[in-house]
Protein backbone atom coordinates (compact mmCIF):
# COMPACT_ATOMS: atom_id res chain seq x y z
CA MET A 1 47.74 -20.87 16.89
CA SER A 2 49.53 -17.31 15.43
CA ASP A 3 49.95 -16.51 19.54
CA GLY A 4 51.62 -19.65 20.53
CA LYS A 5 48.62 -20.68 22.88
CA ARG A 6 47.67 -24.52 21.85
CA ALA A 7 44.03 -24.99 21.73
CA ARG A 8 42.01 -26.65 24.38
CA PRO A 9 40.52 -30.15 24.33
CA TYR A 10 37.27 -30.65 23.37
CA VAL A 11 34.60 -31.31 25.78
CA ASN A 12 33.78 -34.81 26.90
CA PRO A 13 30.85 -36.21 24.22
CA TYR A 14 28.89 -37.75 27.08
CA LEU A 15 28.98 -34.51 29.21
CA ALA A 16 28.08 -32.04 25.68
CA GLY A 17 25.20 -35.00 25.07
CA VAL A 18 23.83 -34.41 28.74
CA LEU A 19 24.38 -30.74 28.51
CA LEU A 20 22.51 -30.75 24.86
CA GLY A 21 19.31 -32.20 27.11
CA VAL A 22 19.50 -29.70 29.50
CA VAL A 23 19.38 -27.21 26.71
CA MET A 24 16.60 -28.61 24.98
CA PHE A 25 14.29 -28.89 28.54
CA VAL A 26 15.56 -25.48 29.09
CA ALA A 27 14.42 -24.61 25.66
CA PHE A 28 10.69 -26.31 26.24
CA PHE A 29 9.95 -24.86 29.40
CA ILE A 30 10.65 -21.10 28.29
CA THR A 31 9.46 -20.81 25.05
CA GLY A 32 7.10 -24.50 24.71
CA GLN A 33 9.40 -25.45 21.89
CA GLY A 34 12.23 -27.12 20.92
CA LEU A 35 15.26 -26.42 18.80
CA GLY A 36 15.44 -26.20 15.54
CA ALA A 37 17.10 -23.61 12.74
CA SER A 38 14.97 -23.57 9.81
CA GLY A 39 11.86 -21.52 11.34
CA ALA A 40 14.40 -18.93 12.42
CA ILE A 41 16.36 -19.05 8.55
CA SER A 42 12.76 -18.76 6.46
CA ARG A 43 11.98 -15.86 9.16
CA VAL A 44 15.03 -14.07 8.34
CA GLN A 45 14.16 -15.06 4.53
CA VAL A 46 10.68 -13.39 4.91
CA ALA A 47 11.86 -10.18 6.81
CA ALA A 48 14.98 -9.53 4.02
CA THR A 49 12.20 -9.62 1.58
CA GLY A 50 9.90 -7.99 3.23
CA LEU A 51 12.69 -4.99 2.78
CA VAL A 52 12.64 -5.42 -0.77
CA SER A 53 8.82 -5.72 -1.44
CA SER A 54 6.54 -5.71 1.15
CA GLU A 55 3.50 -6.61 -1.24
CA HIS A 56 4.90 -10.01 -2.14
CA VAL A 57 5.56 -10.72 1.64
CA ASP A 58 1.70 -9.87 1.70
CA ARG A 59 0.12 -11.71 -0.96
CA THR A 60 1.85 -14.71 -0.54
CA ALA A 61 0.40 -17.14 2.25
CA LEU A 62 3.32 -18.40 3.54
CA PHE A 63 5.29 -15.31 4.11
CA ALA A 64 2.38 -13.70 5.71
CA GLU A 65 1.84 -16.00 8.37
CA VAL A 66 4.92 -15.13 9.46
CA GLY A 67 5.61 -11.42 8.32
CA GLY A 68 2.55 -9.71 6.97
CA GLY A 69 0.83 -6.96 7.61
CA SER A 70 2.16 -5.19 11.09
CA MET A 71 3.51 -8.73 11.63
CA ASN A 72 7.58 -8.68 12.34
CA ALA A 73 8.77 -11.92 11.29
CA LEU A 74 12.00 -11.65 13.75
CA ASP A 75 9.71 -11.18 16.37
CA HIS A 76 10.02 -14.86 17.59
CA GLY A 77 12.06 -17.08 19.80
CA SER A 78 13.50 -19.45 16.86
CA VAL A 79 15.21 -16.12 15.72
CA PHE A 80 16.95 -15.25 18.68
CA MET A 81 17.95 -18.92 19.23
CA LEU A 82 19.65 -18.71 15.93
CA LEU A 83 20.95 -15.90 16.56
CA GLY A 84 22.62 -17.20 20.21
CA THR A 85 23.82 -20.70 18.15
CA PHE A 86 25.87 -18.25 16.03
CA LEU A 87 26.97 -15.92 19.27
CA GLY A 88 27.26 -18.68 21.28
CA GLY A 89 29.83 -20.88 18.53
CA ALA A 90 31.72 -17.82 18.10
CA ILE A 91 32.44 -17.37 21.93
CA SER A 92 33.11 -21.13 22.34
CA GLY A 93 35.43 -21.10 19.58
CA LEU A 94 37.45 -17.78 20.68
CA TRP A 95 37.49 -19.17 24.59
CA ASN A 96 38.99 -22.82 23.37
CA ARG A 97 41.51 -21.05 20.70
CA ARG A 98 39.79 -22.29 18.02
CA PHE A 99 38.07 -19.79 15.91
CA ARG A 100 39.51 -19.46 12.71
CA VAL A 101 38.69 -19.41 8.90
CA GLU A 102 39.19 -22.66 7.27
CA LEU A 103 38.47 -25.26 4.56
CA ARG A 104 37.89 -28.96 5.82
CA LYS A 105 38.47 -31.01 2.75
CA GLY A 106 40.93 -34.36 1.78
CA PRO A 107 43.71 -34.49 -0.01
CA ARG A 108 42.55 -35.40 -3.56
CA ILE A 109 39.92 -32.50 -3.68
CA GLY A 110 40.61 -28.69 -4.79
CA ASN A 111 39.45 -25.74 -2.87
CA ALA A 112 36.63 -24.89 -5.86
CA LEU A 113 35.55 -28.32 -5.91
CA ARG A 114 34.82 -28.30 -2.28
CA LEU A 115 33.11 -25.04 -2.02
CA VAL A 116 30.70 -26.15 -5.06
CA CYS A 117 29.72 -29.61 -3.29
CA ALA A 118 29.34 -27.80 -0.39
CA LEU A 119 26.97 -25.31 -1.85
CA VAL A 120 24.80 -27.61 -3.89
CA GLY A 121 24.84 -29.96 -0.57
CA GLY A 122 23.86 -27.15 1.35
CA ALA A 123 20.89 -26.11 -0.98
CA ILE A 124 19.30 -29.71 -1.13
CA MET A 125 19.62 -29.83 2.71
CA GLY A 126 17.66 -26.75 2.80
CA TYR A 127 15.56 -27.85 0.14
CA GLY A 128 14.91 -30.92 2.11
CA ALA A 129 14.28 -28.88 5.24
CA ARG A 130 11.49 -26.67 3.82
CA LEU A 131 9.88 -29.71 2.34
CA ALA A 132 9.82 -31.56 5.59
CA ARG A 133 8.89 -28.57 7.59
CA GLY A 134 12.09 -28.89 9.45
CA CYS A 135 15.69 -29.18 9.96
CA THR A 136 17.93 -32.22 10.65
CA SER A 137 18.63 -30.29 14.34
CA GLY A 138 14.67 -30.07 14.79
CA GLN A 139 13.98 -33.75 13.68
CA ALA A 140 16.58 -35.65 15.84
CA LEU A 141 16.67 -33.16 18.86
CA THR A 142 13.52 -32.40 19.36
CA GLY A 143 11.23 -35.22 17.86
CA GLY A 144 13.96 -37.30 19.80
CA ALA A 145 13.24 -35.33 22.75
CA VAL A 146 9.36 -36.19 22.09
CA LEU A 147 10.00 -39.91 20.73
CA SER A 148 8.49 -39.04 17.34
CA VAL A 149 8.67 -42.15 15.36
CA GLY A 150 9.15 -40.25 12.53
CA SER A 151 11.95 -38.48 13.65
CA PHE A 152 14.00 -41.88 14.82
CA ALA A 153 12.67 -42.84 11.10
CA PHE A 154 14.64 -39.85 9.82
CA MET A 155 17.60 -39.79 11.43
CA PHE A 156 17.91 -43.72 10.42
CA ALA A 157 17.25 -42.24 6.93
CA VAL A 158 20.25 -39.78 7.52
CA PHE A 159 22.94 -42.10 9.14
CA GLY A 160 21.90 -44.76 6.37
CA GLY A 161 22.14 -42.55 3.53
CA GLY A 162 25.49 -41.37 4.37
CA TYR A 163 26.93 -44.60 5.17
CA LEU A 164 26.21 -44.97 1.50
CA ILE A 165 27.08 -41.74 -0.25
CA ALA A 166 30.64 -42.05 2.22
CA TRP A 167 31.19 -45.42 0.17
CA PHE A 168 30.96 -43.16 -3.04
CA VAL A 169 33.59 -40.02 -1.77
CA ARG A 170 35.66 -41.80 0.85
CA ARG A 171 38.35 -41.59 -2.06
CA LEU A 172 38.44 -37.91 -1.85
CA TRP A 173 39.14 -37.66 1.76
CA ILE A 174 41.86 -40.24 2.13
């Protein structure tokens, strides 16, 4: 680090898991919903679309459902959860001396290709989240907390797919 101080060690993963469970319980207790980001991101997109064309929001059924007419798309607990996730992550990074801009990649991949792959992968995940009507955090955390069979099937598919694709791209990270 530039100030000569070393980054603090990571939190014990078992403690982090327990703390995440407590956060999940509090989220259910306060909002009646679990955790997940895709709904909040959709609401932000609807709000941004409304700034450009409120008529389009009012005419599109999916958009009008969350932000049509006099409704404010940002007036939802998930938006505050998303904002809290960003702020909490920034505060944690600063507090533990890990906050910095960096590009994580293996030695056999260039910066431009890494950014393109991250963008394409993020777009595919975003499309998949909209198609599945929920993101990975919502499926894994919230669905798992309520013992949803579909959420467990989803997570087995995510990890299985990750292990399968890792075989093809492993040389980029060695």
